């Protein structure tokens, strides 16, 4: 298979992952009595352990290669454990739209910084333009969302939610870079993703046991937990891992800016969150970012 076909399939896989991830905020809204920490621990913890289970054979085959990269594995696992806790807390405090767009929107820039530091990477003008459009779009979405909060307490929640969103963006970018790094060390995608998600899942299990009793209070809560673990986390991250093996982490993370668009649309349609004209303009810029990043650069003859 040609390199261009590989990259195209990788981009398609990441797009599928982003669409699935975009459903998490609205899904969590159907279980308001479950804390965001419990939702994060359930989604990423159980989903991560499922990834490890299906990758067990490959992990055993490459166990010595993985052992030599234990520092990176630990870094990726800790990042995965932190990410869902702050991500869902950000959405609960600032709203689905703001929490999602800040978390995912900050990740491409933070990913570029990580690659620049660790790999001395340079980025094309097209990528810089695309990422800039996406970041501006994310800012507009955040401003539009904050305009609906009128009192001091709500403003404080939004500010804290934005800060947690930035932290989730950093941990998201970090574990994505670690996964990509492991794959470049000739460790298969399944083994790399299964290992770091297994570590993250194990770290999240005590959190789930301590906070997850509300999942047992109703079938709705239980259904939300099962859906989050199986669909966006398990299937979504299988697609994301497939994509990371074929495209750069910074490109993959920039493509996932589709997630806040999906999240914003679902929030408006299903849970009736308001989005102003400014917010829709932000959505348009994010979409333009995706087009810019995904469209291949024409080679000079």
Protein backbone atom coordinates (compact mmCIF):
# COMPACT_ATOMS: atom_id res chain seq x y z
CA UNK A 1 0.00 0.00 0.00
CA UNK A 2 1.38 3.43 -0.96
CA UNK A 3 2.36 6.03 1.60
CA UNK A 4 -0.43 8.36 0.44
CA UNK A 5 -3.05 5.63 0.85
CA UNK A 6 -1.69 4.84 4.31
CA UNK A 7 -1.97 8.48 5.32
CA UNK A 8 -5.49 8.73 3.89
CA UNK A 9 -6.64 5.68 5.84
CA UNK A 10 -4.96 7.04 8.95
CA UNK A 11 -6.79 10.36 8.60
CA UNK A 12 -10.12 8.59 8.05
CA UNK A 13 -9.59 6.49 11.18
CA UNK A 14 -8.83 9.59 13.27
CA UNK A 15 -11.95 11.33 11.89
CA UNK A 16 -14.08 8.36 12.99
CA UNK A 17 -12.47 8.52 16.43
CA UNK A 18 -13.14 12.26 16.70
CA UNK A 19 -16.83 11.81 15.81
CA UNK A 20 -17.22 9.09 18.46
CA UNK A 21 -15.43 11.21 21.07
CA UNK A 22 -17.70 14.13 20.25
CA UNK A 23 -20.64 12.17 21.71
CA UNK A 24 -19.11 11.88 25.20
CA UNK A 25 -20.17 15.24 26.59
CA UNK A 26 -23.83 14.84 25.69
CA UNK A 27 -23.77 11.22 26.88
CA UNK A 28 -22.38 12.28 30.26
CA UNK A 29 -25.15 14.87 30.55
CA UNK A 30 -27.70 12.03 30.78
CA UNK A 31 -26.14 10.93 34.09
CA UNK A 32 -25.96 14.21 36.07
CA UNK A 33 -25.84 12.44 39.46
CA UNK A 34 -22.63 10.63 38.46
CA UNK A 35 -19.57 12.75 39.22
CA UNK A 36 -17.30 13.74 36.31
CA UNK A 37 -14.43 11.94 38.03
CA UNK A 38 -16.44 8.70 38.09
CA UNK A 39 -17.44 9.14 34.45
CA UNK A 40 -13.83 9.72 33.43
CA UNK A 41 -12.59 6.74 35.43
CA UNK A 42 -15.29 4.48 33.98
CA UNK A 43 -14.82 5.59 30.39
CA UNK A 44 -11.04 5.58 30.14
CA UNK A 45 -10.38 3.00 32.85
CA UNK A 46 -12.63 0.23 31.56
CA UNK A 47 -12.06 1.20 27.93
CA UNK A 48 -8.30 1.16 28.50
CA UNK A 49 -8.32 -2.29 30.10
CA UNK A 50 -10.40 -3.61 27.19
CA UNK A 51 -7.73 -2.34 24.80
CA UNK A 52 -5.12 -4.18 26.85
CA UNK A 53 -7.17 -7.37 26.78
CA UNK A 54 -7.44 -7.51 22.99
CA UNK A 55 -3.76 -6.59 22.64
CA UNK A 56 -2.50 -9.10 25.25
CA UNK A 57 -0.92 -11.47 22.72
CA UNK A 58 0.89 -8.67 20.88
CA UNK A 59 2.03 -7.12 24.16
CA UNK A 60 3.56 -10.45 25.22
CA UNK A 61 5.41 -10.75 21.90
CA UNK A 62 6.90 -7.27 22.27
CA UNK A 63 7.27 -7.25 26.05
CA UNK A 64 11.07 -6.81 25.95
CA UNK A 65 10.81 -3.89 23.52
CA UNK A 66 8.18 -2.33 25.77
CA UNK A 67 10.29 -2.88 28.87
CA UNK A 68 13.17 -0.89 27.37
CA UNK A 69 10.74 2.02 26.94
CA UNK A 70 9.29 1.83 30.45
CA UNK A 71 9.81 5.53 31.18
CA UNK A 72 7.72 6.50 28.16
CA UNK A 73 5.11 3.88 29.02
CA UNK A 74 4.77 5.27 32.55
CA UNK A 75 4.55 8.84 31.27
CA UNK A 76 1.84 7.86 28.78
CA UNK A 77 -0.08 5.83 31.36
CA UNK A 78 -0.09 8.65 33.92
CA UNK A 79 -1.23 11.11 31.24
CA UNK A 80 -4.08 8.79 30.28
CA UNK A 81 -5.14 8.49 33.93
CA UNK A 82 -5.20 12.27 34.42
CA UNK A 83 -6.81 13.17 31.09
CA UNK A 84 -10.40 11.87 31.58
CA UNK A 85 -10.65 13.18 35.13
CA UNK A 86 -9.87 16.77 34.18
CA UNK A 87 -11.66 16.54 30.81
CA UNK A 88 -15.05 15.57 32.24
CA UNK A 89 -14.62 17.95 35.17
CA UNK A 90 -13.99 20.73 32.63
CA UNK A 91 -17.22 19.92 30.78
CA UNK A 92 -19.21 19.75 34.01
CA UNK A 93 -17.91 23.16 35.19
CA UNK A 94 -17.79 25.12 31.93
CA UNK A 95 -20.40 23.31 29.84
CA UNK A 96 -20.09 20.65 27.16
CA UNK A 97 -19.18 23.08 24.37
CA UNK A 98 -16.54 25.11 26.21
CA UNK A 99 -15.02 22.15 28.05
CA UNK A 100 -14.68 20.13 24.86
CA UNK A 101 -13.39 22.86 22.60
CA UNK A 102 -10.78 24.12 25.07
CA UNK A 103 -9.54 20.61 25.85
CA UNK A 104 -9.31 19.45 22.26
CA UNK A 105 -8.56 22.85 20.78
CA UNK A 106 -5.47 23.42 22.91
CA UNK A 107 -4.05 19.97 22.14
CA UNK A 108 -2.68 20.66 18.60
CA UNK A 109 -0.62 23.63 19.80
CA UNK A 110 0.63 21.71 22.83
CA UNK A 111 1.38 18.72 20.62
CA UNK A 112 3.41 20.93 18.29
CA UNK A 113 5.38 22.25 21.27
CA UNK A 114 6.10 18.70 22.46
CA UNK A 115 7.25 17.64 18.98
CA UNK A 116 9.39 20.75 18.63
CA UNK A 117 11.10 20.03 21.97
CA UNK A 118 11.46 16.26 21.65
CA UNK A 119 11.97 15.85 17.89
CA UNK A 120 13.16 19.27 16.72
CA UNK A 121 10.20 19.11 14.36
CA UNK A 122 9.38 21.80 11.82
CA UNK A 123 5.91 22.39 10.50
CA UNK A 124 4.69 23.42 7.08
CA UNK A 125 3.11 26.79 6.46
CA UNK A 126 -0.17 25.03 5.63
CA UNK A 127 -0.18 23.23 8.97
CA UNK A 128 0.54 26.48 10.85
CA UNK A 129 -2.29 28.27 9.02
CA UNK A 130 -4.68 25.38 9.68
CA UNK A 131 -3.77 25.12 13.36
CA UNK A 132 -4.11 28.90 13.75
CA UNK A 133 -7.60 28.84 12.25
CA UNK A 134 -8.55 26.03 14.61
CA UNK A 135 -7.23 27.80 17.67
CA UNK A 136 -9.03 31.05 16.76
CA UNK A 137 -12.20 29.04 16.24
CA UNK A 138 -11.80 27.42 19.65
CA UNK A 139 -11.32 30.83 21.30
CA UNK A 140 -14.47 32.18 19.63
CA UNK A 141 -16.44 29.14 20.75
CA UNK A 142 -15.24 29.62 24.32
CA UNK A 143 -16.07 33.34 24.33
CA UNK A 144 -19.50 32.63 22.86
CA UNK A 145 -20.18 30.00 25.51
CA UNK A 146 -18.99 32.17 28.39
CA UNK A 147 -21.33 34.95 27.32
CA UNK A 148 -24.27 32.88 28.56
CA UNK A 149 -23.01 32.88 32.16
CA UNK A 150 -24.02 35.97 34.07
CA UNK A 151 -23.15 35.64 37.74
CA UNK A 152 -19.78 35.51 39.50
CA UNK A 153 -20.06 31.87 40.56
CA UNK A 154 -20.77 30.78 37.01
CA UNK A 155 -17.85 32.85 35.72
CA UNK A 156 -15.57 31.20 38.29
CA UNK A 157 -16.76 27.78 37.18
CA UNK A 158 -16.05 28.66 33.56
CA UNK A 159 -12.54 29.89 34.39
CA UNK A 160 -11.75 26.77 36.41
CA UNK A 161 -13.27 24.64 33.64
CA UNK A 162 -11.07 26.34 31.04
CA UNK A 163 -7.95 25.74 33.18
CA UNK A 164 -8.84 22.06 33.58
CA UNK A 165 -9.50 21.94 29.84
CA UNK A 166 -5.97 23.20 29.16
CA UNK A 167 -4.57 20.53 31.47
CA UNK A 168 -6.57 17.86 29.67
CA UNK A 169 -5.26 19.20 26.35
CA UNK A 170 -1.69 18.84 27.62
CA UNK A 171 -2.17 15.28 28.85
CA UNK A 172 -3.98 14.36 25.63
CA UNK A 173 -1.10 15.71 23.54
CA UNK A 174 1.46 13.99 25.76
CA UNK A 175 0.02 10.48 25.66
CA UNK A 176 -0.59 10.80 21.91
CA UNK A 177 3.05 11.71 21.39
CA UNK A 178 4.19 8.82 23.59
CA UNK A 179 2.03 6.37 21.62
CA UNK A 180 3.42 7.65 18.33
CA UNK A 181 6.99 7.49 19.69
CA UNK A 182 6.55 3.85 20.72
CA UNK A 183 5.22 2.98 17.27
CA UNK A 184 8.29 4.60 15.70
CA UNK A 185 10.41 2.22 17.83
CA UNK A 186 8.87 -0.63 15.78
CA UNK A 187 6.34 -1.50 18.44
CA UNK A 188 2.97 -2.30 16.78
CA UNK A 189 0.09 0.09 17.30
CA UNK A 190 -1.91 -2.53 19.20
CA UNK A 191 0.94 -3.21 21.65
CA UNK A 192 1.78 0.46 22.16
CA UNK A 193 -1.81 1.59 22.73
CA UNK A 194 -2.72 -1.50 24.75
CA UNK A 195 0.24 -1.01 27.08
CA UNK A 196 -0.15 2.66 27.90
CA UNK A 197 -3.94 2.38 28.15
CA UNK A 198 -3.54 -0.64 30.41
CA UNK A 199 -1.35 1.36 32.78
CA UNK A 200 -3.79 4.27 32.70
CA UNK A 201 -6.74 1.92 33.22
CA UNK A 202 -5.14 0.29 36.24
CA UNK A 203 -4.39 3.69 37.77
CA UNK A 204 -8.04 4.68 37.28
CA UNK A 205 -9.55 1.56 38.87
CA UNK A 206 -9.19 2.77 42.50
CA UNK A 207 -10.82 6.05 41.45
CA UNK A 208 -13.71 4.16 39.86
CA UNK A 209 -14.23 1.95 42.93
CA UNK A 210 -14.20 5.00 45.20
CA UNK A 211 -16.55 7.20 43.15
CA UNK A 212 -18.53 4.97 40.80
CA UNK A 213 -21.36 3.69 43.01
CA UNK A 214 -23.81 6.10 41.30
CA UNK A 215 -23.58 3.99 38.15
CA UNK A 216 -25.60 1.36 40.01
CA UNK A 217 -28.40 3.75 40.96
CA UNK A 218 -30.29 3.46 37.68
CA UNK A 219 -30.25 1.77 34.28
CA UNK A 220 -29.68 5.17 32.68
CA UNK A 221 -26.50 5.75 34.66
CA UNK A 222 -25.31 2.21 33.95
CA UNK A 223 -26.07 2.59 30.22
CA UNK A 224 -24.10 5.83 30.06
CA UNK A 225 -21.11 4.16 31.71
CA UNK A 226 -21.22 1.13 29.41
CA UNK A 227 -21.60 3.29 26.29
CA UNK A 228 -18.72 5.58 27.29
CA UNK A 229 -16.38 2.67 27.93
CA UNK A 230 -17.24 0.61 24.84
CA UNK A 231 -17.93 3.08 22.04
CA UNK A 232 -16.01 6.38 22.29
CA UNK A 233 -13.20 5.03 24.45
CA UNK A 234 -12.67 1.45 23.28
CA UNK A 235 -13.67 1.67 19.60
CA UNK A 236 -12.63 5.32 19.31
CA UNK A 237 -9.13 4.71 20.58
CA UNK A 238 -8.70 1.63 18.40
CA UNK A 239 -9.32 3.93 15.44
CA UNK A 240 -7.04 6.61 16.89
CA UNK A 241 -4.22 4.10 17.38
CA UNK A 242 -4.63 2.89 13.79
CA UNK A 243 -4.36 6.50 12.62
CA UNK A 244 -1.35 7.33 14.81
CA UNK A 245 0.60 4.50 13.19
CA UNK A 246 0.18 6.25 9.82
CA UNK A 247 0.28 10.01 10.45
CA UNK A 248 2.16 12.36 12.79
CA UNK A 249 0.75 12.93 16.27
CA UNK A 250 0.40 16.68 15.65
CA UNK A 251 -1.61 16.02 12.47
CA UNK A 252 -3.81 13.43 14.19
CA UNK A 253 -4.53 15.76 17.11
CA UNK A 254 -5.31 18.65 14.77
CA UNK A 255 -7.81 16.46 12.90
CA UNK A 256 -9.54 15.69 16.20
CA UNK A 257 -10.61 19.34 16.29
CA UNK A 258 -13.65 17.81 14.61
CA UNK A 259 -14.63 16.54 18.07
CA UNK A 260 -15.69 19.94 19.48
CA UNK A 261 -17.77 20.58 16.35
CA UNK A 262 -19.65 17.32 16.91
CA UNK A 263 -19.91 18.05 20.63
CA UNK A 264 -21.23 21.57 20.03
CA UNK A 265 -23.81 20.40 17.48
CA UNK A 266 -25.05 17.61 19.73
CA UNK A 267 -25.16 19.94 22.74
CA UNK A 268 -27.32 22.41 20.80
CA UNK A 269 -29.63 19.74 19.31
CA UNK A 270 -30.00 17.31 22.22
CA UNK A 271 -29.44 19.16 25.49
CA UNK A 272 -30.38 22.61 24.14
CA UNK A 273 -27.15 24.45 24.93
CA UNK A 274 -27.20 27.84 23.20
CA UNK A 275 -24.58 28.75 20.59
CA UNK A 276 -24.46 32.31 19.29
CA UNK A 277 -23.52 33.53 15.82
CA UNK A 278 -19.99 34.08 17.12
CA UNK A 279 -19.90 30.47 18.24
CA UNK A 280 -21.02 29.22 14.84
CA UNK A 281 -18.31 31.33 13.23
CA UNK A 282 -15.85 29.55 15.51
CA UNK A 283 -17.23 26.19 14.33
CA UNK A 284 -16.69 27.32 10.72
CA UNK A 285 -13.06 28.22 11.44
CA UNK A 286 -12.46 24.84 13.06
CA UNK A 287 -13.91 23.14 10.00
CA UNK A 288 -11.64 25.26 7.77
CA UNK A 289 -8.72 24.11 9.91
CA UNK A 290 -9.65 20.48 9.24
CA UNK A 291 -9.88 21.05 5.51
CA UNK A 292 -6.50 22.81 5.52
CA UNK A 293 -4.76 20.06 7.49
CA UNK A 294 -6.34 17.08 5.72
CA UNK A 295 -6.01 18.33 2.13
CA UNK A 296 -2.73 16.98 0.72
CA UNK A 297 -0.06 19.43 -0.39
CA UNK A 298 0.49 19.42 -4.12
CA UNK A 299 3.99 18.45 -5.09
CA UNK A 300 5.84 20.59 -7.58
CA UNK A 301 6.66 18.83 -10.84
